[in-house]
Amino acid sequence: MRLVLLTALVMVAFAANSVLNRWAVFGAGLGPAYVAVLRLGSGAAVLLLLTLALRGAKTLRLAPSVVGVGVATLFLYIFGFSIASGLIDAGVGALTLFGSVQITMLAGALVMREPISRWRWIGAGLALSGLALLLLPAGGGPIDPRGFGLMALAGIGWGLYSLNGRRSRDPLAATALNFALATPLAFIWLAVAQDQGQGETWGIWPALASGAITSGLGYALWYRVLPQIPASLAAIAQLSVPIIAALGGAVILAEIPEARFWLSAALVLGGIALSLKRG
């Protein structure tokens, strides 16, 4: 039960990221690169302070291969996610993101020769059908192809980041290093893009909250949970995030999902439920 509650808490944090990031980029009008700097920088500051206070500097000496892959895939996720969040709605974006995550992590599970039950395959197929339904053309208006493509790219990055987390022995230290070393990459992106946005200054607060709380602490908790659950189940569980994000988007951003989204959500949740069945 404790593992279930921790996983649910992580899913809420992920959903909050979708809403907070879109709030900063789309709502306040800040530039995606600027938001990425704020998000990674604040997350790095909080995580490094916690690591030094609770574990000491010695815990920051981790395997270069684990840290290197973590930094690269984290930045790929942040890059795609930060731009795409200003192009598509929070709920649709989250569903696209975690649909891509599911495909990436299921592929990783196969590569690692992880046993996957028939119910997990059926659940994955049902959940992916919900994603396909959402992306079919409809009268509600087309989905921005740039936003969809970048969010799918972010999903691949996050899926690889999650698979890499299964190799981490110290979730807090690993996440701290990932954020700290990815921050300079975000500064380079900002210098090249030269776009801080023309929005309102209040947008820095959701960006900082996303970095320090829902990203930094949420990702550290995710790295703690990952070694305890199969990669295939971790992939499917994350498809609950769009539902939470859609509710958050409706409350905070006044983005009321269409009926098609809720039908897609029912398929996704049904797929998750089936994937938990044994046998």
Protein backbone atom coordinates (compact mmCIF):
# COMPACT_ATOMS: atom_id res chain seq x y z
CA MET A 1 0.00 0.00 0.00
CA ARG A 2 2.86 2.38 0.81
CA LEU A 3 4.34 1.85 -2.66
CA VAL A 4 0.95 2.52 -4.26
CA LEU A 5 0.55 5.77 -2.33
CA LEU A 6 4.07 6.93 -3.23
CA THR A 7 3.42 6.15 -6.90
CA ALA A 8 0.13 8.05 -6.79
CA LEU A 9 1.89 11.04 -5.21
CA VAL A 10 4.45 11.02 -8.03
CA MET A 11 1.67 10.97 -10.63
CA VAL A 12 0.09 14.04 -9.03
CA ALA A 13 3.47 15.80 -9.13
CA PHE A 14 3.86 14.95 -12.82
CA ALA A 15 0.40 16.29 -13.58
CA ALA A 16 1.19 19.49 -11.70
CA ASN A 17 4.26 19.90 -13.91
CA SER A 18 2.08 19.90 -17.01
CA VAL A 19 -0.15 22.62 -15.59
CA LEU A 20 2.56 24.78 -13.98
CA ASN A 21 4.81 24.72 -17.03
CA ARG A 22 1.98 25.64 -19.39
CA TRP A 23 0.89 28.35 -16.94
CA ALA A 24 4.35 29.92 -17.07
CA VAL A 25 4.88 29.60 -20.83
CA PHE A 26 1.38 30.08 -22.21
CA GLY A 27 -0.38 31.85 -19.37
CA ALA A 28 2.34 34.31 -18.38
CA GLY A 29 4.08 34.41 -21.76
CA LEU A 30 7.61 33.52 -20.60
CA GLY A 31 10.04 31.99 -23.11
CA PRO A 32 10.40 28.17 -22.98
CA ALA A 33 14.20 28.37 -22.56
CA TYR A 34 13.83 30.89 -19.74
CA VAL A 35 11.33 28.62 -17.99
CA ALA A 36 13.68 25.67 -18.44
CA VAL A 37 16.50 27.61 -16.75
CA LEU A 38 14.25 28.54 -13.83
CA ARG A 39 12.92 25.03 -13.52
CA LEU A 40 16.24 23.21 -13.66
CA GLY A 41 18.09 25.82 -11.61
CA SER A 42 15.57 25.88 -8.76
CA GLY A 43 15.31 22.09 -8.77
CA ALA A 44 19.11 21.76 -8.64
CA ALA A 45 19.38 24.24 -5.75
CA VAL A 46 16.79 22.47 -3.61
CA LEU A 47 18.06 18.97 -4.37
CA LEU A 48 21.73 19.79 -3.80
CA LEU A 49 20.94 21.44 -0.46
CA LEU A 50 18.87 18.44 0.64
CA THR A 51 21.55 15.99 -0.49
CA LEU A 52 24.34 17.83 1.32
CA ALA A 53 22.26 18.26 4.47
CA LEU A 54 20.93 14.70 4.65
CA ARG A 55 23.61 12.58 3.00
CA GLY A 56 26.82 14.61 2.69
CA ALA A 57 28.98 15.45 -0.33
CA LYS A 58 30.29 11.89 -0.73
CA THR A 59 26.91 10.68 -2.03
CA LEU A 60 27.28 12.93 -5.08
CA ARG A 61 29.99 10.63 -6.46
CA LEU A 62 27.94 8.45 -8.78
CA ALA A 63 28.77 6.37 -11.84
CA PRO A 64 29.48 8.70 -14.80
CA SER A 65 27.45 6.51 -17.15
CA VAL A 66 24.33 6.77 -14.99
CA VAL A 67 24.70 10.52 -14.51
CA GLY A 68 25.57 11.15 -18.17
CA VAL A 69 22.50 9.35 -19.49
CA GLY A 70 20.36 11.02 -16.81
CA VAL A 71 21.49 14.53 -17.74
CA ALA A 72 21.09 14.01 -21.50
CA THR A 73 17.63 12.46 -21.30
CA LEU A 74 16.42 14.95 -18.68
CA PHE A 75 17.42 17.87 -20.91
CA LEU A 76 15.77 16.24 -23.95
CA TYR A 77 12.56 15.97 -21.95
CA ILE A 78 12.78 19.55 -20.63
CA PHE A 79 13.53 20.94 -24.11
CA GLY A 80 10.59 19.28 -25.83
CA PHE A 81 8.20 19.71 -22.93
CA SER A 82 8.92 23.41 -22.35
CA ILE A 83 8.25 24.39 -25.96
CA ALA A 84 5.30 22.06 -26.54
CA SER A 85 3.50 23.21 -23.39
CA GLY A 86 2.82 26.56 -25.06
CA LEU A 87 1.42 24.94 -28.20
CA ILE A 88 -1.13 22.38 -26.97
CA ASP A 89 -3.55 22.10 -24.03
CA ALA A 90 -2.31 20.69 -20.74
CA GLY A 91 -4.47 17.54 -20.85
CA VAL A 92 -3.75 16.74 -24.50
CA GLY A 93 -0.06 17.45 -23.99
CA ALA A 94 0.17 15.17 -20.98
CA LEU A 95 -1.61 12.35 -22.82
CA THR A 96 0.76 12.71 -25.78
CA LEU A 97 3.76 12.84 -23.46
CA PHE A 98 2.95 9.73 -21.48
CA GLY A 99 1.75 7.82 -24.52
CA SER A 100 5.27 8.26 -25.89
CA VAL A 101 6.69 7.36 -22.49
CA GLN A 102 4.69 4.14 -22.48
CA ILE A 103 5.95 3.06 -25.89
CA THR A 104 9.56 3.87 -24.95
CA MET A 105 9.47 2.06 -21.62
CA LEU A 106 7.67 -1.00 -22.97
CA ALA A 107 10.36 -1.22 -25.64
CA GLY A 108 12.96 -0.92 -22.87
CA ALA A 109 11.26 -3.70 -20.91
CA LEU A 110 11.48 -5.97 -23.94
CA VAL A 111 15.15 -5.16 -24.43
CA MET A 112 15.79 -5.98 -20.76
CA ARG A 113 13.80 -9.22 -21.23
CA GLU A 114 11.38 -8.31 -18.48
CA PRO A 115 8.40 -10.71 -18.31
CA ILE A 116 5.21 -8.93 -19.34
CA SER A 117 1.87 -10.62 -18.62
CA ARG A 118 -0.88 -10.87 -21.21
CA TRP A 119 -3.06 -8.54 -19.15
CA ARG A 120 -0.33 -5.94 -19.15
CA TRP A 121 -0.12 -6.16 -22.94
CA ILE A 122 -3.91 -5.88 -23.23
CA GLY A 123 -3.94 -2.94 -20.82
CA ALA A 124 -1.16 -1.21 -22.75
CA GLY A 125 -3.03 -1.70 -26.01
CA LEU A 126 -6.26 -0.35 -24.57
CA ALA A 127 -4.49 2.68 -23.09
CA LEU A 128 -2.72 3.38 -26.38
CA SER A 129 -6.04 3.15 -28.22
CA GLY A 130 -7.22 5.97 -26.00
CA LEU A 131 -4.24 8.03 -27.15
CA ALA A 132 -4.98 7.19 -30.80
CA LEU A 133 -8.62 8.25 -30.36
CA LEU A 134 -7.53 11.59 -28.98
CA LEU A 135 -5.28 12.28 -31.96
CA LEU A 136 -7.87 11.50 -34.64
CA PRO A 137 -9.10 14.61 -36.51
CA ALA A 138 -12.33 15.97 -35.09
CA GLY A 139 -14.51 19.03 -35.19
CA GLY A 140 -12.87 20.37 -32.06
CA GLY A 141 -9.91 21.64 -34.07
CA PRO A 142 -6.58 20.11 -35.12
CA ILE A 143 -3.72 19.53 -32.72
CA ASP A 144 -0.64 21.63 -33.47
CA PRO A 145 1.80 19.23 -35.19
CA ARG A 146 4.84 21.02 -33.74
CA GLY A 147 3.44 20.73 -30.25
CA PHE A 148 2.60 17.07 -30.73
CA GLY A 149 6.02 16.26 -32.22
CA LEU A 150 7.97 18.06 -29.51
CA MET A 151 5.85 16.53 -26.74
CA ALA A 152 6.39 13.07 -28.24
CA LEU A 153 10.15 13.79 -28.28
CA ALA A 154 9.90 14.82 -24.63
CA GLY A 155 8.13 11.54 -23.91
CA ILE A 156 10.98 9.55 -25.44
CA GLY A 157 13.44 11.52 -23.31
CA TRP A 158 11.40 10.93 -20.16
CA GLY A 159 10.98 7.23 -20.89
CA LEU A 160 14.74 6.83 -21.24
CA TYR A 161 15.27 8.94 -18.10
CA SER A 162 12.92 6.64 -16.17
CA LEU A 163 14.61 3.48 -17.45
CA ASN A 164 17.96 4.96 -16.41
CA GLY A 165 16.57 5.64 -12.93
CA ARG A 166 16.25 1.91 -12.34
CA ARG A 167 20.08 1.81 -12.17
CA SER A 168 20.30 4.50 -9.49
CA ARG A 169 21.23 3.47 -5.95
CA ASP A 170 20.73 6.94 -4.44
CA PRO A 171 17.62 8.63 -5.91
CA LEU A 172 18.16 12.00 -4.20
CA ALA A 173 21.82 12.37 -5.15
CA ALA A 174 21.23 11.13 -8.71
CA THR A 175 18.39 13.59 -9.28
CA ALA A 176 20.42 16.44 -7.76
CA LEU A 177 23.31 15.78 -10.14
CA ASN A 178 21.00 15.40 -13.12
CA PHE A 179 19.41 18.78 -12.47
CA ALA A 180 22.69 20.53 -11.62
CA LEU A 181 24.48 19.34 -14.77
CA ALA A 182 21.47 19.92 -17.05
CA THR A 183 21.15 23.55 -15.90
CA PRO A 184 24.18 24.79 -17.94
CA LEU A 185 22.63 23.18 -21.03
CA ALA A 186 19.50 25.22 -20.41
CA PHE A 187 21.58 28.40 -20.12
CA ILE A 188 23.20 27.61 -23.48
CA TRP A 189 19.74 27.09 -24.98
CA LEU A 190 18.61 30.44 -23.55
CA ALA A 191 21.70 32.20 -24.92
CA VAL A 192 21.11 30.77 -28.39
CA ALA A 193 17.35 31.36 -28.40
CA GLN A 194 17.63 34.84 -26.83
CA ASP A 195 13.99 34.65 -25.87
CA GLN A 196 12.92 35.32 -22.31
CA GLY A 197 9.41 36.06 -23.53
CA GLN A 198 7.38 39.22 -23.30
CA GLY A 199 5.09 38.00 -20.56
CA GLU A 200 4.24 38.89 -16.99
CA THR A 201 6.84 38.55 -14.25
CA TRP A 202 4.47 36.50 -12.08
CA GLY A 203 5.19 33.62 -14.46
CA ILE A 204 8.46 32.93 -12.65
CA TRP A 205 6.54 31.60 -9.64
CA PRO A 206 4.86 28.62 -11.33
CA ALA A 207 8.19 27.92 -13.09
CA LEU A 208 10.06 27.92 -9.76
CA ALA A 209 7.36 25.80 -8.11
CA SER A 210 7.59 23.32 -10.96
CA GLY A 211 11.37 23.14 -10.61
CA ALA A 212 11.80 23.05 -6.86
CA ILE A 213 8.77 21.01 -5.85
CA THR A 214 6.94 19.01 -8.52
CA SER A 215 10.04 18.40 -10.67
CA GLY A 216 12.93 18.22 -8.22
CA LEU A 217 11.29 16.46 -5.31
CA GLY A 218 8.85 14.59 -7.55
CA TYR A 219 11.62 13.16 -9.72
CA ALA A 220 13.70 12.16 -6.70
CA LEU A 221 10.69 10.25 -5.36
CA TRP A 222 10.17 8.68 -8.79
CA TYR A 223 13.77 7.44 -8.83
CA ARG A 224 13.11 5.89 -5.44
CA VAL A 225 9.95 4.10 -6.63
CA LEU A 226 11.25 2.89 -10.01
CA PRO A 227 13.53 0.05 -8.82
CA GLN A 228 10.59 -1.45 -6.92
CA ILE A 229 8.18 -1.83 -9.86
CA PRO A 230 8.48 -3.41 -13.33
CA ALA A 231 9.36 -1.02 -16.16
CA SER A 232 6.23 -2.01 -18.08
CA LEU A 233 3.96 -1.22 -15.12
CA ALA A 234 5.76 2.08 -14.49
CA ALA A 235 5.08 3.02 -18.11
CA ILE A 236 1.39 2.19 -17.99
CA ALA A 237 0.83 3.81 -14.58
CA GLN A 238 2.04 7.16 -15.91
CA LEU A 239 -0.89 7.31 -18.32
CA SER A 240 -3.03 8.34 -15.33
CA VAL A 241 -1.21 11.68 -15.35
CA PRO A 242 -3.16 13.24 -18.28
CA ILE A 243 -6.42 12.75 -16.44
CA ILE A 244 -5.10 14.60 -13.41
CA ALA A 245 -3.52 17.25 -15.65
CA ALA A 246 -6.79 17.79 -17.49
CA LEU A 247 -8.59 18.41 -14.20
CA GLY A 248 -5.85 20.82 -13.14
CA GLY A 249 -5.99 22.57 -16.51
CA ALA A 250 -9.75 22.94 -16.22
CA VAL A 251 -9.52 24.47 -12.74
CA ILE A 252 -6.45 26.71 -13.18
CA LEU A 253 -6.26 27.39 -16.91
CA ALA A 254 -9.98 27.20 -17.77
CA GLU A 255 -9.25 24.55 -20.44
CA ILE A 256 -12.35 22.36 -20.38
CA PRO A 257 -11.64 19.06 -22.19
CA GLU A 258 -13.97 17.89 -24.95
CA ALA A 259 -16.10 14.76 -24.70
CA ARG A 260 -13.57 12.91 -26.86
CA PHE A 261 -10.90 13.50 -24.24
CA TRP A 262 -13.00 11.89 -21.52
CA LEU A 263 -13.69 8.86 -23.70
CA SER A 264 -9.94 8.60 -24.28
CA ALA A 265 -9.40 8.95 -20.53
CA ALA A 266 -11.80 6.08 -19.84
CA LEU A 267 -9.85 3.84 -22.21
CA VAL A 268 -6.57 4.86 -20.60
CA LEU A 269 -7.79 4.22 -17.04
CA GLY A 270 -9.34 0.92 -18.11
CA GLY A 271 -6.02 -0.09 -19.63
CA ILE A 272 -4.18 0.75 -16.41
CA ALA A 273 -6.67 -1.29 -14.39
CA LEU A 274 -6.23 -4.33 -16.66
CA SER A 275 -2.46 -4.05 -16.52
CA LEU A 276 -2.58 -4.58 -12.76
CA LYS A 277 -4.32 -7.93 -13.16
CA ARG A 278 -2.11 -10.96 -12.69
CA GLY A 279 -2.03 -14.03 -14.86
